[in-house]
N, C-alpha and C. Protein backbone atom coordinates (compact mmCIF):
# COMPACT_ATOMS: atom_id res chain seq x y z
N MET A 1 40.36 0.72 60.83
CA MET A 1 40.76 2.11 60.78
C MET A 1 39.64 2.96 61.35
N SER A 2 39.99 3.86 62.22
CA SER A 2 38.99 4.68 62.88
C SER A 2 38.68 5.95 62.12
N GLY A 3 39.45 6.28 61.11
CA GLY A 3 39.22 7.51 60.37
C GLY A 3 39.85 8.73 61.02
N GLN A 4 40.39 8.53 62.21
CA GLN A 4 41.05 9.63 62.91
C GLN A 4 42.45 9.85 62.34
N PRO A 5 42.85 11.11 62.13
CA PRO A 5 44.23 11.34 61.68
C PRO A 5 45.22 10.93 62.76
N ARG A 6 46.32 10.36 62.32
CA ARG A 6 47.34 9.91 63.26
C ARG A 6 48.19 11.09 63.69
N THR A 7 48.47 11.19 64.98
CA THR A 7 49.32 12.25 65.50
C THR A 7 50.78 11.85 65.29
N PRO A 8 51.55 12.68 64.57
CA PRO A 8 52.96 12.34 64.35
C PRO A 8 53.73 12.36 65.66
N SER A 9 54.75 11.52 65.73
CA SER A 9 55.59 11.50 66.92
C SER A 9 56.98 12.00 66.56
N ALA A 10 57.69 12.50 67.56
CA ALA A 10 59.05 12.98 67.35
C ALA A 10 59.87 12.69 68.59
N GLU A 11 61.16 12.43 68.38
CA GLU A 11 62.10 12.22 69.47
C GLU A 11 63.26 13.17 69.26
N VAL A 12 63.64 13.89 70.30
CA VAL A 12 64.76 14.82 70.23
C VAL A 12 65.86 14.32 71.15
N VAL A 13 67.06 14.17 70.60
CA VAL A 13 68.21 13.73 71.37
C VAL A 13 69.27 14.83 71.30
N LEU A 14 69.66 15.36 72.47
CA LEU A 14 70.70 16.38 72.51
C LEU A 14 72.04 15.69 72.66
N CYS A 15 72.86 15.77 71.64
CA CYS A 15 74.18 15.14 71.66
C CYS A 15 75.13 16.03 72.46
N PRO A 16 75.84 15.49 73.44
CA PRO A 16 76.76 16.30 74.24
C PRO A 16 77.81 16.97 73.34
N GLY A 17 77.86 18.29 73.39
CA GLY A 17 78.81 19.04 72.58
C GLY A 17 78.48 19.05 71.11
N GLY A 18 77.31 18.57 70.74
CA GLY A 18 76.96 18.46 69.33
C GLY A 18 75.55 18.92 69.04
N PRO A 19 74.99 18.39 67.97
CA PRO A 19 73.68 18.87 67.51
C PRO A 19 72.50 18.28 68.29
N ALA A 20 71.34 18.78 67.95
CA ALA A 20 70.09 18.19 68.41
C ALA A 20 69.60 17.31 67.28
N LEU A 21 69.51 16.00 67.54
CA LEU A 21 69.00 15.07 66.54
C LEU A 21 67.50 14.94 66.71
N VAL A 22 66.78 15.07 65.61
CA VAL A 22 65.32 14.96 65.65
C VAL A 22 64.92 13.81 64.74
N ARG A 23 64.29 12.81 65.35
CA ARG A 23 63.75 11.67 64.62
C ARG A 23 62.24 11.81 64.66
N SER A 24 61.61 11.68 63.50
CA SER A 24 60.18 11.92 63.45
C SER A 24 59.51 11.10 62.35
N ASP A 25 58.21 10.92 62.50
CA ASP A 25 57.40 10.32 61.45
C ASP A 25 57.25 11.28 60.28
N VAL A 26 57.43 12.55 60.54
CA VAL A 26 57.30 13.59 59.52
C VAL A 26 58.69 13.89 58.97
N LEU A 27 58.83 13.87 57.66
CA LEU A 27 60.13 14.14 57.05
C LEU A 27 60.44 15.63 57.07
N ALA A 28 61.68 15.97 57.46
CA ALA A 28 62.14 17.35 57.36
C ALA A 28 62.63 17.56 55.94
N VAL A 29 62.28 18.68 55.34
CA VAL A 29 62.67 18.95 53.96
C VAL A 29 63.63 20.12 53.95
N ASP A 30 64.82 19.89 53.41
CA ASP A 30 65.82 20.95 53.26
C ASP A 30 65.43 21.79 52.05
N VAL A 31 65.73 23.06 52.11
CA VAL A 31 65.43 23.93 50.97
C VAL A 31 66.39 23.64 49.83
N ILE A 32 65.97 23.97 48.63
CA ILE A 32 66.84 23.81 47.47
C ILE A 32 67.81 24.97 47.45
N VAL A 33 69.10 24.69 47.56
CA VAL A 33 70.13 25.72 47.60
C VAL A 33 70.40 26.25 46.21
N SER A 34 70.46 25.37 45.22
CA SER A 34 70.67 25.77 43.84
C SER A 34 70.08 24.70 42.93
N ASP A 35 70.09 24.97 41.64
CA ASP A 35 69.51 24.03 40.69
C ASP A 35 70.25 22.69 40.68
N ASP A 36 71.55 22.72 40.96
CA ASP A 36 72.32 21.48 40.92
C ASP A 36 72.33 20.75 42.26
N GLN A 37 71.64 21.29 43.26
CA GLN A 37 71.57 20.66 44.57
C GLN A 37 70.09 20.44 44.91
N PRO A 38 69.58 19.21 44.71
CA PRO A 38 68.16 18.96 44.93
C PRO A 38 67.77 18.99 46.40
N ALA A 39 66.48 19.12 46.65
CA ALA A 39 65.96 19.09 48.02
C ALA A 39 66.25 17.73 48.63
N VAL A 40 66.45 17.72 49.94
CA VAL A 40 66.75 16.48 50.65
C VAL A 40 65.65 16.24 51.68
N LYS A 41 65.12 15.03 51.69
CA LYS A 41 64.12 14.65 52.69
C LYS A 41 64.75 13.61 53.58
N ARG A 42 64.66 13.80 54.90
CA ARG A 42 65.31 12.89 55.84
C ARG A 42 64.40 12.57 57.02
N PRO A 43 64.43 11.31 57.47
CA PRO A 43 63.66 10.96 58.67
C PRO A 43 64.38 11.37 59.96
N VAL A 44 65.71 11.62 59.88
CA VAL A 44 66.49 12.08 61.03
C VAL A 44 67.27 13.30 60.58
N VAL A 45 67.17 14.40 61.33
CA VAL A 45 67.91 15.61 61.00
C VAL A 45 68.71 16.07 62.20
N ALA A 46 69.81 16.80 61.94
CA ALA A 46 70.67 17.31 63.00
C ALA A 46 70.65 18.83 62.93
N PHE A 47 70.14 19.46 63.97
CA PHE A 47 70.10 20.91 64.06
C PHE A 47 71.29 21.41 64.86
N CYS A 48 71.98 22.43 64.35
CA CYS A 48 73.15 23.00 65.00
C CYS A 48 72.75 23.65 66.32
N ARG A 49 73.58 23.43 67.35
CA ARG A 49 73.37 24.10 68.64
C ARG A 49 74.55 24.98 69.01
N CYS A 50 75.66 24.91 68.24
CA CYS A 50 76.85 25.68 68.60
C CYS A 50 76.92 27.03 67.88
N GLY A 51 76.16 27.19 66.80
CA GLY A 51 76.15 28.45 66.07
C GLY A 51 77.29 28.60 65.07
N ARG A 52 78.07 27.55 64.85
CA ARG A 52 79.23 27.65 63.96
C ARG A 52 78.98 27.07 62.57
N THR A 53 77.84 26.47 62.35
CA THR A 53 77.57 25.79 61.09
C THR A 53 77.57 26.75 59.91
N GLY A 54 77.91 26.23 58.77
CA GLY A 54 77.83 27.00 57.54
C GLY A 54 76.54 26.70 56.78
N ARG A 55 75.69 25.84 57.35
CA ARG A 55 74.43 25.45 56.69
C ARG A 55 73.25 25.66 57.63
N GLU A 56 73.19 26.76 58.31
CA GLU A 56 72.17 27.04 59.31
C GLU A 56 70.77 26.71 58.78
N PRO A 57 69.94 26.00 59.47
CA PRO A 57 70.01 25.57 60.85
C PRO A 57 70.62 24.18 61.02
N TRP A 58 71.10 23.55 59.93
CA TRP A 58 71.58 22.19 59.97
C TRP A 58 73.00 22.11 60.51
N CYS A 59 73.32 21.04 61.21
CA CYS A 59 74.68 20.80 61.70
C CYS A 59 75.55 20.34 60.54
N ASP A 60 76.74 20.91 60.43
CA ASP A 60 77.69 20.48 59.39
C ASP A 60 78.95 19.87 59.99
N GLY A 61 78.96 19.63 61.31
CA GLY A 61 80.09 19.00 61.96
C GLY A 61 81.16 19.96 62.44
N THR A 62 80.98 21.26 62.25
CA THR A 62 81.99 22.24 62.65
C THR A 62 82.27 22.19 64.14
N HIS A 63 81.30 21.78 64.95
CA HIS A 63 81.51 21.72 66.41
C HIS A 63 82.67 20.80 66.77
N LYS A 64 82.98 19.84 65.90
CA LYS A 64 84.08 18.90 66.18
C LYS A 64 85.43 19.61 66.19
N LEU A 65 85.55 20.72 65.45
CA LEU A 65 86.81 21.47 65.42
C LEU A 65 87.14 22.09 66.77
N ALA A 66 86.13 22.38 67.57
CA ALA A 66 86.34 23.05 68.85
C ALA A 66 86.66 22.08 69.98
N ARG A 67 86.44 20.80 69.78
CA ARG A 67 86.68 19.82 70.85
C ARG A 67 88.16 19.77 71.22
N GLY A 68 88.41 19.80 72.51
CA GLY A 68 89.77 19.66 73.01
C GLY A 68 90.64 20.89 72.83
N SER A 69 90.08 21.97 72.32
CA SER A 69 90.89 23.18 72.15
C SER A 69 90.21 24.34 72.86
N SER A 70 90.18 24.26 74.20
CA SER A 70 89.50 25.29 74.98
C SER A 70 90.23 26.63 74.90
N SER A 71 91.52 26.61 74.52
CA SER A 71 92.26 27.87 74.41
C SER A 71 91.90 28.63 73.15
N LYS A 72 91.36 27.92 72.13
CA LYS A 72 90.98 28.58 70.89
C LYS A 72 89.48 28.77 70.88
N LYS A 73 89.03 29.98 70.66
CA LYS A 73 87.61 30.23 70.53
C LYS A 73 87.30 30.45 69.07
N LEU A 74 86.55 29.53 68.50
CA LEU A 74 86.16 29.68 67.11
C LEU A 74 85.03 30.70 67.02
N PRO A 75 85.04 31.53 66.00
CA PRO A 75 83.95 32.50 65.86
C PRO A 75 82.66 31.79 65.50
N THR A 76 81.57 32.31 65.98
CA THR A 76 80.26 31.77 65.59
C THR A 76 79.72 32.64 64.48
N ARG A 77 78.72 32.15 63.81
CA ARG A 77 78.09 32.94 62.74
C ARG A 77 77.50 34.21 63.34
N LYS A 78 77.08 34.16 64.59
CA LYS A 78 76.50 35.34 65.24
C LYS A 78 77.57 36.42 65.45
N ASP A 79 78.84 36.00 65.68
CA ASP A 79 79.92 36.96 65.85
C ASP A 79 80.21 37.73 64.57
N GLU A 80 79.91 37.12 63.42
CA GLU A 80 80.19 37.74 62.14
C GLU A 80 79.18 38.80 61.76
N ARG A 81 78.05 38.80 62.39
CA ARG A 81 76.97 39.74 62.02
C ARG A 81 77.19 41.10 62.60
């Protein structure tokens, strides 16, 4: 051991039409939403890129509702503000 701190690594994969998956040596920690919902630590996280998630910044799969329905425009969370 050299005594040098190890530099964490990360890999980002942009899923076509979906989230950005981040795999890292460093665990992402979700905030505690309520007392009955504990914090979650994950080695792989999915960040929303469509703006439709109900759990910002995390992907909740809502982007799947828009697939194949180009005639329907789902509102984004930004449209609601």
